[in-house]
Amino acid sequence: MSKSINKDLREDVKDLRENIDETLEDVARALKSAAESLSDESEEAIAKAAVAVRKAADALSEKAKPAKAMADKAVQEVKDHPIVSAGAALTAAALLISLLVAERRKKG
């Protein structure tokens, strides 16, 4: 059961991260467009950027709902199986650290 939750959680985190990256790229494009067209159609460009930011916030909010459910399920698993959960937590921490290090190396 814990392995299944760990796998599901990793997949959810990966999907959430990809969605966040895509959403932030959309916001950045809208803001860039707003900055480029400031002289011509500034109000429209700023409005589009505001809509993109609102949509990003809505999307992040929606994506957080499954993560909350998974977190609640994980809490129950920890209560039911504390020793196994400690091992899973160490594994997850190592995975997250590895992902962060890999991401920094990509950017650096």
PDB file of N, CA and C in Angstrom:
ATOM      1  N   MET A   1       0.829  -1.199   0.000  1.00  0.00           N
ATOM      2  CA  MET A   1       0.000   0.000   0.000  1.00  0.00           C
ATOM      3  C   MET A   1       0.868   1.255   0.000  1.00  0.00           C
ATOM      4  N   SER A   2       1.940   1.268   0.819  1.00  0.00           N
ATOM      5  CA  SER A   2       2.797   2.441   0.902  1.00  0.00           C
ATOM      6  C   SER A   2       3.535   2.691  -0.399  1.00  0.00           C
ATOM      7  N   LYS A   3       3.956   1.610  -1.066  1.00  0.00           N
ATOM      8  CA  LYS A   3       4.644   1.781  -2.347  1.00  0.00           C
ATOM      9  C   LYS A   3       3.718   2.420  -3.375  1.00  0.00           C
ATOM     10  N   SER A   4       2.465   2.000  -3.355  1.00  0.00           N
ATOM     11  CA  SER A   4       1.483   2.558  -4.280  1.00  0.00           C
ATOM     12  C   SER A   4       1.270   4.040  -4.015  1.00  0.00           C
ATOM     13  N   ILE A   5       1.156   4.414  -2.755  1.00  0.00           N
ATOM     14  CA  ILE A   5       0.973   5.824  -2.402  1.00  0.00           C
ATOM     15  C   ILE A   5       2.202   6.620  -2.797  1.00  0.00           C
ATOM     16  N   ASN A   6       3.392   6.071  -2.531  1.00  0.00           N
ATOM     17  CA  ASN A   6       4.631   6.753  -2.875  1.00  0.00           C
ATOM     18  C   ASN A   6       4.716   6.986  -4.383  1.00  0.00           C
ATOM     19  N   LYS A   7       4.355   5.974  -5.180  1.00  0.00           N
ATOM     20  CA  LYS A   7       4.385   6.105  -6.638  1.00  0.00           C
ATOM     21  C   LYS A   7       3.362   7.139  -7.100  1.00  0.00           C
ATOM     22  N   ASP A   8       2.142   7.051  -6.555  1.00  0.00           N
ATOM     23  CA  ASP A   8       1.097   8.014  -6.916  1.00  0.00           C
ATOM     24  C   ASP A   8       1.517   9.428  -6.553  1.00  0.00           C
ATOM     25  N   LEU A   9       2.109   9.586  -5.381  1.00  0.00           N
ATOM     26  CA  LEU A   9       2.540  10.903  -4.935  1.00  0.00           C
ATOM     27  C   LEU A   9       3.628  11.457  -5.849  1.00  0.00           C
ATOM     28  N   ARG A  10       4.578  10.613  -6.236  1.00  0.00           N
ATOM     29  CA  ARG A  10       5.632  11.061  -7.157  1.00  0.00           C
ATOM     30  C   ARG A  10       5.041  11.489  -8.494  1.00  0.00           C
ATOM     31  N   GLU A  11       4.093  10.715  -9.001  1.00  0.00           N
ATOM     32  CA  GLU A  11       3.464  11.073 -10.275  1.00  0.00           C
ATOM     33  C   GLU A  11       2.677  12.370 -10.150  1.00  0.00           C
ATOM     34  N   ASP A  12       1.956  12.534  -9.044  1.00  0.00           N
ATOM     35  CA  ASP A  12       1.191  13.769  -8.835  1.00  0.00           C
ATOM     36  C   ASP A  12       2.108  14.971  -8.720  1.00  0.00           C
ATOM     37  N   VAL A  13       3.224  14.823  -8.019  1.00  0.00           N
ATOM     38  CA  VAL A  13       4.182  15.923  -7.870  1.00  0.00           C
ATOM     39  C   VAL A  13       4.775  16.276  -9.231  1.00  0.00           C
ATOM     40  N   LYS A  14       5.109  15.253 -10.018  1.00  0.00           N
ATOM     41  CA  LYS A  14       5.668  15.496 -11.350  1.00  0.00           C
ATOM     42  C   LYS A  14       4.650  16.225 -12.238  1.00  0.00           C
ATOM     43  N   ASP A  15       3.402  15.745 -12.230  1.00  0.00           N
ATOM     44  CA  ASP A  15       2.346  16.384 -13.034  1.00  0.00           C
ATOM     45  C   ASP A  15       2.104  17.816 -12.574  1.00  0.00           C
ATOM     46  N   LEU A  16       2.059  18.012 -11.278  1.00  0.00           N
ATOM     47  CA  LEU A  16       1.834  19.353 -10.737  1.00  0.00           C
ATOM     48  C   LEU A  16       2.960  20.290 -11.145  1.00  0.00           C
ATOM     49  N   ARG A  17       4.183  19.809 -11.051  1.00  0.00           N
ATOM     50  CA  ARG A  17       5.335  20.636 -11.431  1.00  0.00           C
ATOM     51  C   ARG A  17       5.284  21.007 -12.915  1.00  0.00           C
ATOM     52  N   GLU A  18       4.944  20.044 -13.766  1.00  0.00           N
ATOM     53  CA  GLU A  18       4.834  20.328 -15.199  1.00  0.00           C
ATOM     54  C   GLU A  18       3.732  21.344 -15.475  1.00  0.00           C
ATOM     55  N   ASN A  19       2.597  21.179 -14.799  1.00  0.00           N
ATOM     56  CA  ASN A  19       1.491  22.128 -14.989  1.00  0.00           C
ATOM     57  C   ASN A  19       1.857  23.517 -14.500  1.00  0.00           C
ATOM     58  N   ILE A  20       2.561  23.592 -13.392  1.00  0.00           N
ATOM     59  CA  ILE A  20       2.989  24.886 -12.872  1.00  0.00           C
ATOM     60  C   ILE A  20       3.953  25.546 -13.849  1.00  0.00           C
ATOM     61  N   ASP A  21       4.914  24.758 -14.361  1.00  0.00           N
ATOM     62  CA  ASP A  21       5.873  25.304 -15.330  1.00  0.00           C
ATOM     63  C   ASP A  21       5.166  25.838 -16.572  1.00  0.00           C
ATOM     64  N   GLU A  22       4.204  25.072 -17.097  1.00  0.00           N
ATOM     65  CA  GLU A  22       3.465  25.508 -18.286  1.00  0.00           C
ATOM     66  C   GLU A  22       2.657  26.771 -17.998  1.00  0.00           C
ATOM     67  N   THR A  23       2.026  26.807 -16.845  1.00  0.00           N
ATOM     68  CA  THR A  23       1.214  27.967 -16.473  1.00  0.00           C
ATOM     69  C   THR A  23       2.084  29.199 -16.313  1.00  0.00           C
ATOM     70  N   LEU A  24       3.220  29.039 -15.675  1.00  0.00           N
ATOM     71  CA  LEU A  24       4.121  30.177 -15.501  1.00  0.00           C
ATOM     72  C   LEU A  24       4.660  30.672 -16.842  1.00  0.00           C
ATOM     73  N   GLU A  25       4.900  29.749 -17.764  1.00  0.00           N
ATOM     74  CA  GLU A  25       5.332  30.156 -19.098  1.00  0.00           C
ATOM     75  C   GLU A  25       4.239  30.966 -19.793  1.00  0.00           C
ATOM     76  N   ASP A  26       2.986  30.542 -19.641  1.00  0.00           N
ATOM     77  CA  ASP A  26       1.863  31.298 -20.223  1.00  0.00           C
ATOM     78  C   ASP A  26       1.788  32.697 -19.625  1.00  0.00           C
ATOM     79  N   VAL A  27       1.951  32.797 -18.332  1.00  0.00           N
ATOM     80  CA  VAL A  27       1.928  34.108 -17.668  1.00  0.00           C
ATOM     81  C   VAL A  27       3.084  34.961 -18.158  1.00  0.00           C
ATOM     82  N   ALA A  28       4.264  34.379 -18.270  1.00  0.00           N
ATOM     83  CA  ALA A  28       5.429  35.128 -18.733  1.00  0.00           C
ATOM     84  C   ALA A  28       5.223  35.634 -20.158  1.00  0.00           C
ATOM     85  N   ARG A  29       4.644  34.791 -21.021  1.00  0.00           N
ATOM     86  CA  ARG A  29       4.377  35.231 -22.398  1.00  0.00           C
ATOM     87  C   ARG A  29       3.382  36.389 -22.418  1.00  0.00           C
ATOM     88  N   ALA A  30       2.347  36.286 -21.598  1.00  0.00           N
ATOM     89  CA  ALA A  30       1.347  37.355 -21.563  1.00  0.00           C
ATOM     90  C   ALA A  30       1.953  38.651 -21.043  1.00  0.00           C
ATOM     91  N   LEU A  31       2.796  38.557 -20.024  1.00  0.00           N
ATOM     92  CA  LEU A  31       3.439  39.761 -19.499  1.00  0.00           C
ATOM     93  C   LEU A  31       4.436  40.346 -20.496  1.00  0.00           C
ATOM     94  N   LYS A  32       5.153  39.475 -21.203  1.00  0.00           N
ATOM     95  CA  LYS A  32       6.079  39.959 -22.224  1.00  0.00           C
ATOM     96  C   LYS A  32       5.313  40.676 -23.329  1.00  0.00           C
ATOM     97  N   SER A  33       4.207  40.085 -23.736  1.00  0.00           N
ATOM     98  CA  SER A  33       3.363  40.709 -24.749  1.00  0.00           C
ATOM     99  C   SER A  33       2.861  42.062 -24.257  1.00  0.00           C
ATOM    100  N   ALA A  34       2.494  42.132 -22.991  1.00  0.00           N
ATOM    101  CA  ALA A  34       2.017  43.391 -22.420  1.00  0.00           C
ATOM    102  C   ALA A  34       3.118  44.446 -22.459  1.00  0.00           C
ATOM    103  N   ALA A  35       4.310  44.040 -22.125  1.00  0.00           N
ATOM    104  CA  ALA A  35       5.420  44.991 -22.118  1.00  0.00           C
ATOM    105  C   ALA A  35       5.770  45.461 -23.530  1.00  0.00           C
ATOM    106  N   GLU A  36       5.716  44.555 -24.514  1.00  0.00           N
ATOM    107  CA  GLU A  36       6.065  44.907 -25.879  1.00  0.00           C
ATOM    108  C   GLU A  36       5.042  45.831 -26.528  1.00  0.00           C
ATOM    109  N   SER A  37       3.793  45.675 -26.165  1.00  0.00           N
ATOM    110  CA  SER A  37       2.756  46.474 -26.804  1.00  0.00           C
ATOM    111  C   SER A  37       2.251  47.593 -25.893  1.00  0.00           C
ATOM    112  N   LEU A  38       3.083  48.005 -24.966  1.00  0.00           N
ATOM    113  CA  LEU A  38       2.663  49.016 -24.005  1.00  0.00           C
ATOM    114  C   LEU A  38       2.226  50.306 -24.688  1.00  0.00           C
ATOM    115  N   SER A  39       2.898  50.665 -25.751  1.00  0.00           N
ATOM    116  CA  SER A  39       2.552  51.929 -26.404  1.00  0.00           C
ATOM    117  C   SER A  39       1.265  51.820 -27.220  1.00  0.00           C
ATOM    118  N   ASP A  40       1.042  50.692 -27.864  1.00  0.00           N
ATOM    119  CA  ASP A  40      -0.108  50.548 -28.763  1.00  0.00           C
ATOM    120  C   ASP A  40      -1.394  50.161 -28.036  1.00  0.00           C
ATOM    121  N   GLU A  41      -1.378  49.015 -27.462  1.00  0.00           N
ATOM    122  CA  GLU A  41      -2.600  48.472 -26.882  1.00  0.00           C
ATOM    123  C   GLU A  41      -2.343  48.066 -25.438  1.00  0.00           C
ATOM    124  N   SER A  42      -1.868  48.994 -24.637  1.00  0.00           N
ATOM    125  CA  SER A  42      -1.439  48.651 -23.285  1.00  0.00           C
ATOM    126  C   SER A  42      -2.580  48.122 -22.416  1.00  0.00           C
ATOM    127  N   GLU A  43      -3.723  48.729 -22.497  1.00  0.00           N
ATOM    128  CA  GLU A  43      -4.828  48.271 -21.654  1.00  0.00           C
ATOM    129  C   GLU A  43      -5.221  46.839 -21.987  1.00  0.00           C
ATOM    130  N   GLU A  44      -5.314  46.534 -23.263  1.00  0.00           N
ATOM    131  CA  GLU A  44      -5.703  45.177 -23.672  1.00  0.00           C
ATOM    132  C   GLU A  44      -4.632  44.161 -23.267  1.00  0.00           C
ATOM    133  N   ALA A  45      -3.374  44.517 -23.475  1.00  0.00           N
ATOM    134  CA  ALA A  45      -2.288  43.605 -23.127  1.00  0.00           C
ATOM    135  C   ALA A  45      -2.237  43.364 -21.621  1.00  0.00           C
ATOM    136  N   ILE A  46      -2.429  44.413 -20.838  1.00  0.00           N
ATOM    137  CA  ILE A  46      -2.416  44.268 -19.388  1.00  0.00           C
ATOM    138  C   ILE A  46      -3.612  43.437 -18.932  1.00  0.00           C
ATOM    139  N   ALA A  47      -4.745  43.632 -19.558  1.00  0.00           N
ATOM    140  CA  ALA A  47      -5.928  42.839 -19.229  1.00  0.00           C
ATOM    141  C   ALA A  47      -5.690  41.362 -19.534  1.00  0.00           C
ATOM    142  N   LYS A  48      -5.052  41.077 -20.659  1.00  0.00           N
ATOM    143  CA  LYS A  48      -4.746  39.689 -21.006  1.00  0.00           C
ATOM    144  C   LYS A  48      -3.795  39.074 -19.995  1.00  0.00           C
ATOM    145  N   ALA A  49      -2.803  39.859 -19.562  1.00  0.00           N
ATOM    146  CA  ALA A  49      -1.860  39.366 -18.561  1.00  0.00           C
ATOM    147  C   ALA A  49      -2.583  39.086 -17.249  1.00  0.00           C
ATOM    148  N   ALA A  50      -3.499  39.974 -16.880  1.00  0.00           N
ATOM    149  CA  ALA A  50      -4.269  39.772 -15.645  1.00  0.00           C
ATOM    150  C   ALA A  50      -5.117  38.508 -15.738  1.00  0.00           C
ATOM    151  N   VAL A  51      -5.709  38.276 -16.898  1.00  0.00           N
ATOM    152  CA  VAL A  51      -6.505  37.060 -17.099  1.00  0.00           C
ATOM    153  C   VAL A  51      -5.609  35.828 -16.991  1.00  0.00           C
ATOM    154  N   ALA A  52      -4.416  35.913 -17.575  1.00  0.00           N
ATOM    155  CA  ALA A  52      -3.486  34.779 -17.511  1.00  0.00           C
ATOM    156  C   ALA A  52      -3.080  34.496 -16.069  1.00  0.00           C
ATOM    157  N   VAL A  53      -2.848  35.543 -15.296  1.00  0.00           N
ATOM    158  CA  VAL A  53      -2.483  35.359 -13.891  1.00  0.00           C
ATOM    159  C   VAL A  53      -3.654  34.734 -13.127  1.00  0.00           C
ATOM    160  N   ARG A  54      -4.863  35.209 -13.383  1.00  0.00           N
ATOM    161  CA  ARG A  54      -6.042  34.645 -12.711  1.00  0.00           C
ATOM    162  C   ARG A  54      -6.225  33.180 -13.075  1.00  0.00           C
ATOM    163  N   LYS A  55      -6.066  32.871 -14.375  1.00  0.00           N
ATOM    164  CA  LYS A  55      -6.197  31.478 -14.805  1.00  0.00           C
ATOM    165  C   LYS A  55      -5.126  30.603 -14.159  1.00  0.00           C
ATOM    166  N   ALA A  56      -3.909  31.153 -14.045  1.00  0.00           N
ATOM    167  CA  ALA A  56      -2.821  30.410 -13.405  1.00  0.00           C
ATOM    168  C   ALA A  56      -3.166  30.122 -11.955  1.00  0.00           C
ATOM    169  N   ALA A  57      -3.692  31.107 -11.260  1.00  0.00           N
ATOM    170  CA  ALA A  57      -4.076  30.915  -9.861  1.00  0.00           C
ATOM    171  C   ALA A  57      -5.186  29.876  -9.744  1.00  0.00           C
ATOM    172  N   ASP A  58      -6.164  29.953 -10.647  1.00  0.00           N
ATOM    173  CA  ASP A  58      -7.259  28.972 -10.636  1.00  0.00           C
ATOM    174  C   ASP A  58      -6.729  27.563 -10.909  1.00  0.00           C
ATOM    175  N   ALA A  59      -5.835  27.457 -11.884  1.00  0.00           N
ATOM    176  CA  ALA A  59      -5.274  26.146 -12.234  1.00  0.00           C
ATOM    177  C   ALA A  59      -4.474  25.576 -11.072  1.00  0.00           C
ATOM    178  N   LEU A  60      -3.680  26.409 -10.434  1.00  0.00           N
ATOM    179  CA  LEU A  60      -2.899  25.930  -9.297  1.00  0.00           C
ATOM    180  C   LEU A  60      -3.813  25.488  -8.154  1.00  0.00           C
ATOM    181  N   SER A  61      -4.868  26.232  -7.953  1.00  0.00           N
ATOM    182  CA  SER A  61      -5.831  25.877  -6.915  1.00  0.00           C
ATOM    183  C   SER A  61      -6.466  24.518  -7.205  1.00  0.00           C
ATOM    184  N   GLU A  62      -6.847  24.303  -8.456  1.00  0.00           N
ATOM    185  CA  GLU A  62      -7.449  23.027  -8.845  1.00  0.00           C
ATOM    186  C   GLU A  62      -6.447  21.880  -8.717  1.00  0.00           C
ATOM    187  N   LYS A  63      -5.202  22.144  -9.089  1.00  0.00           N
ATOM    188  CA  LYS A  63      -4.186  21.094  -9.017  1.00  0.00           C
ATOM    189  C   LYS A  63      -3.840  20.752  -7.577  1.00  0.00           C
ATOM    190  N   ALA A  64      -4.064  21.671  -6.663  1.00  0.00           N
ATOM    191  CA  ALA A  64      -3.743  21.437  -5.258  1.00  0.00           C
ATOM    192  C   ALA A  64      -4.752  20.502  -4.591  1.00  0.00           C
ATOM    193  N   LYS A  65      -5.968  20.425  -5.121  1.00  0.00           N
ATOM    194  CA  LYS A  65      -7.003  19.580  -4.506  1.00  0.00           C
ATOM    195  C   LYS A  65      -6.593  18.105  -4.442  1.00  0.00           C
ATOM    196  N   PRO A  66      -6.133  17.506  -5.555  1.00  0.00           N
ATOM    197  CA  PRO A  66      -5.701  16.103  -5.459  1.00  0.00           C
ATOM    198  C   PRO A  66      -4.493  15.936  -4.535  1.00  0.00           C
ATOM    199  N   ALA A  67      -3.627  16.928  -4.516  1.00  0.00           N
ATOM    200  CA  ALA A  67      -2.460  16.850  -3.639  1.00  0.00           C
ATOM    201  C   ALA A  67      -2.897  16.838  -2.176  1.00  0.00           C
ATOM    202  N   LYS A  68      -3.926  17.618  -1.838  1.00  0.00           N
ATOM    203  CA  LYS A  68      -4.437  17.625  -0.462  1.00  0.00           C
ATOM    204  C   LYS A  68      -5.017  16.266  -0.111  1.00  0.00           C
ATOM    205  N   ALA A  69      -5.766  15.677  -1.032  1.00  0.00           N
ATOM    206  CA  ALA A  69      -6.338  14.348  -0.790  1.00  0.00           C
ATOM    207  C   ALA A  69      -5.232  13.320  -0.582  1.00  0.00           C
ATOM    208  N   MET A  70      -4.192  13.408  -1.406  1.00  0.00           N
ATOM    209  CA  MET A  70      -3.061  12.492  -1.257  1.00  0.00           C
ATOM    210  C   MET A  70      -2.360  12.716   0.076  1.00  0.00           C
ATOM    211  N   ALA A  71      -2.238  13.965   0.491  1.00  0.00           N
ATOM    212  CA  ALA A  71      -1.596  14.265   1.771  1.00  0.00           C
ATOM    213  C   ALA A  71      -2.411  13.680   2.925  1.00  0.00           C
ATOM    214  N   ASP A  72      -3.725  13.813   2.861  1.00  0.00           N
ATOM    215  CA  ASP A  72      -4.586  13.238   3.898  1.00  0.00           C
ATOM    216  C   ASP A  72      -4.435  11.719   3.950  1.00  0.00           C
ATOM    217  N   LYS A  73      -4.368  11.110   2.772  1.00  0.00           N
ATOM    218  CA  LYS A  73      -4.196   9.659   2.700  1.00  0.00           C
ATOM    219  C   LYS A  73      -2.832   9.255   3.267  1.00  0.00           C
ATOM    220  N   ALA A  74      -1.824  10.054   2.966  1.00  0.00           N
ATOM    221  CA  ALA A  74      -0.480   9.776   3.470  1.00  0.00           C
ATOM    222  C   ALA A  74      -0.433   9.878   4.990  1.00  0.00           C
ATOM    223  N   VAL A  75      -1.102  10.867   5.545  1.00  0.00           N
ATOM    224  CA  VAL A  75      -1.145  11.017   7.002  1.00  0.00           C
ATOM    225  C   VAL A  75      -1.741   9.765   7.636  1.00  0.00           C
ATOM    226  N   GLN A  76      -2.820   9.259   7.064  1.00  0.00           N
ATOM    227  CA  GLN A  76      -3.440   8.049   7.602  1.00  0.00           C
ATOM    228  C   GLN A  76      -2.495   6.860   7.501  1.00  0.00           C
ATOM    229  N   GLU A  77      -1.780   6.750   6.387  1.00  0.00           N
ATOM    230  CA  GLU A  77      -0.822   5.655   6.217  1.00  0.00           C
ATOM    231  C   GLU A  77       0.288   5.739   7.260  1.00  0.00           C
ATOM    232  N   VAL A  78       0.763   6.939   7.537  1.00  0.00           N
ATOM    233  CA  VAL A  78       1.815   7.118   8.537  1.00  0.00           C
ATOM    234  C   VAL A  78       1.310   6.658   9.902  1.00  0.00           C
ATOM    235  N   LYS A  79       0.081   7.009  10.218  1.00  0.00           N
ATOM    236  CA  LYS A  79      -0.501   6.589  11.495  1.00  0.00           C
ATOM    237  C   LYS A  79      -0.631   5.066  11.558  1.00  0.00           C
ATOM    238  N   ASP A  80      -1.006   4.452  10.451  1.00  0.00           N
ATOM    239  CA  ASP A  80      -1.211   3.002  10.423  1.00  0.00           C
ATOM    240  C   ASP A  80       0.107   2.220  10.382  1.00  0.00           C
ATOM    241  N   HIS A  81       1.128   2.777   9.712  1.00  0.00           N
ATOM    242  CA  HIS A  81       2.404   2.067   9.501  1.00  0.00           C
ATOM    243  C   HIS A  81       3.580   3.013   9.731  1.00  0.00           C
ATOM    244  N   PRO A  82       3.897   3.356  10.967  1.00  0.00           N
ATOM    245  CA  PRO A  82       4.923   4.377  11.226  1.00  0.00           C
ATOM    246  C   PRO A  82       6.337   3.991  10.780  1.00  0.00           C
ATOM    247  N   ILE A  83       6.744   2.753  10.942  1.00  0.00           N
ATOM    248  CA  ILE A  83       8.116   2.365  10.594  1.00  0.00           C
ATOM    249  C   ILE A  83       8.297   2.361   9.079  1.00  0.00           C
ATOM    250  N   VAL A  84       7.367   1.771   8.376  1.00  0.00           N
ATOM    251  CA  VAL A  84       7.424   1.759   6.906  1.00  0.00           C
ATOM    252  C   VAL A  84       7.381   3.194   6.377  1.00  0.00           C
ATOM    253  N   SER A  85       6.565   4.008   7.012  1.00  0.00           N
ATOM    254  CA  SER A  85       6.434   5.399   6.583  1.00  0.00           C
ATOM    255  C   SER A  85       7.732   6.173   6.763  1.00  0.00           C
ATOM    256  N   ALA A  86       8.455   5.887   7.827  1.00  0.00           N
ATOM    257  CA  ALA A  86       9.739   6.564   8.041  1.00  0.00           C
ATOM    258  C   ALA A  86      10.700   6.241   6.897  1.00  0.00           C
ATOM    259  N   GLY A  87      10.728   4.981   6.486  1.00  0.00           N
ATOM    260  CA  GLY A  87      11.578   4.593   5.350  1.00  0.00           C
ATOM    261  C   GLY A  87      11.136   5.267   4.062  1.00  0.00           C
ATOM    262  N   ALA A  88       9.834   5.326   3.859  1.00  0.00           N
ATOM    263  CA  ALA A  88       9.307   5.981   2.654  1.00  0.00           C
ATOM    264  C   ALA A  88       9.621   7.469   2.676  1.00  0.00           C
ATOM    265  N   ALA A  89       9.555   8.087   3.851  1.00  0.00           N
ATOM    266  CA  ALA A  89       9.857   9.517   3.959  1.00  0.00           C
ATOM    267  C   ALA A  89      11.315   9.787   3.625  1.00  0.00           C
ATOM    268  N   LEU A  90      12.201   8.936   4.103  1.00  0.00           N
ATOM    269  CA  LEU A  90      13.623   9.107   3.778  1.00  0.00           C
ATOM    270  C   LEU A  90      13.863   8.939   2.283  1.00  0.00           C
ATOM    271  N   THR A  91      13.189   7.973   1.687  1.00  0.00           N
ATOM    272  CA  THR A  91      13.320   7.759   0.245  1.00  0.00           C
ATOM    273  C   THR A  91      12.784   8.965  -0.530  1.00  0.00           C
ATOM    274  N   ALA A  92      11.628   9.468  -0.110  1.00  0.00           N
ATOM    275  CA  ALA A  92      11.037  10.632  -0.779  1.00  0.00           C
ATOM    276  C   ALA A  92      11.934  11.856  -0.625  1.00  0.00           C
ATOM    277  N   ALA A  93      12.505  12.043   0.554  1.00  0.00           N
ATOM    278  CA  ALA A  93      13.403  13.181   0.767  1.00  0.00           C
ATOM    279  C   ALA A  93      14.615  13.080  -0.151  1.00  0.00           C
ATOM    280  N   ALA A  94      15.173  11.898  -0.260  1.00  0.00           N
ATOM    281  CA  ALA A  94      16.321  11.699  -1.149  1.00  0.00           C
ATOM    282  C   ALA A  94      15.937  11.981  -2.599  1.00  0.00           C
ATOM    283  N   LEU A  95      14.742  11.550  -2.994  1.00  0.00           N
ATOM    284  CA  LEU A  95      14.265  11.804  -4.358  1.00  0.00           C
ATOM    285  C   LEU A  95      14.111  13.297  -4.609  1.00  0.00           C
ATOM    286  N   LEU A  96      13.483  14.003  -3.684  1.00  0.00           N
ATOM    287  CA  LEU A  96      13.295  15.448  -3.854  1.00  0.00           C
ATOM    288  C   LEU A  96      14.624  16.185  -3.914  1.00  0.00           C
ATOM    289  N   ILE A  97      15.555  15.796  -3.063  1.00  0.00           N
ATOM    290  CA  ILE A  97      16.873  16.430  -3.090  1.00  0.00           C
ATOM    291  C   ILE A  97      17.543  16.161  -4.427  1.00  0.00           C
ATOM    292  N   SER A  98      17.431  14.935  -4.911  1.00  0.00           N
ATOM    293  CA  SER A  98      18.015  14.594  -6.221  1.00  0.00           C
ATOM    294  C   SER A  98      17.395  15.420  -7.333  1.00  0.00           C
ATOM    295  N   LEU A  99      16.066  15.587  -7.292  1.00  0.00           N
ATOM    296  CA  LEU A  99      15.396  16.397  -8.314  1.00  0.00           C
ATOM    297  C   LEU A  99      15.852  17.851  -8.258  1.00  0.00           C
ATOM    298  N   LEU A 100      15.964  18.391  -7.062  1.00  0.00           N
ATOM    299  CA  LEU A 100      16.405  19.776  -6.918  1.00  0.00           C
ATOM    300  C   LEU A 100      17.837  19.962  -7.409  1.00  0.00           C
ATOM    301  N   VAL A 101      18.704  19.035  -7.068  1.00  0.00           N
ATOM    302  CA  VAL A 101      20.101  19.116  -7.521  1.00  0.00           C
ATOM    303  C   VAL A 101      20.169  19.019  -9.040  1.00  0.00           C
ATOM    304  N   ALA A 102      19.406  18.090  -9.615  1.00  0.00           N
ATOM    305  CA  ALA A 102      19.404  17.924 -11.075  1.00  0.00           C
ATOM    306  C   ALA A 102      18.892  19.190 -11.753  1.00  0.00           C
ATOM    307  N   GLU A 103      17.853  19.797 -11.185  1.00  0.00           N
ATOM    308  CA  GLU A 103      17.287  21.009 -11.772  1.00  0.00           C
ATOM    309  C   GLU A 103      18.291  22.166 -11.693  1.00  0.00           C
ATOM    310  N   ARG A 104      18.976  22.266 -10.595  1.00  0.00           N
ATOM    311  CA  ARG A 104      19.990  23.332 -10.463  1.00  0.00           C
ATOM    312  C   ARG A 104      21.130  23.137 -11.453  1.00  0.00           C
ATOM    313  N   ARG A 105      21.501  21.899 -11.663  1.00  0.00           N
ATOM    314  CA  ARG A 105      22.578  21.621 -12.624  1.00  0.00           C
ATOM    315  C   ARG A 105      22.149  21.980 -14.035  1.00  0.00           C
ATOM    316  N   LYS A 106      20.872  21.743 -14.358  1.00  0.00           N
ATOM    317  CA  LYS A 106      20.346  22.101 -15.677  1.00  0.00           C
ATOM    318  C   LYS A 106      20.436  23.610 -15.895  1.00  0.00           C
ATOM    319  N   LYS A 107      20.029  24.354 -14.862  1.00  0.00           N
ATOM    320  CA  LYS A 107      19.981  25.814 -14.975  1.00  0.00           C
ATOM    321  C   LYS A 107      21.369  26.434 -14.874  1.00  0.00           C
ATOM    322  N   GLY A 108      22.246  25.790 -14.163  1.00  0.00           N
ATOM    323  CA  GLY A 108      23.572  26.361 -13.903  1.00  0.00           C
ATOM    324  C   GLY A 108      24.549  26.018 -14.928  1.00  0.00           C
TER     325      GLY A 108
END
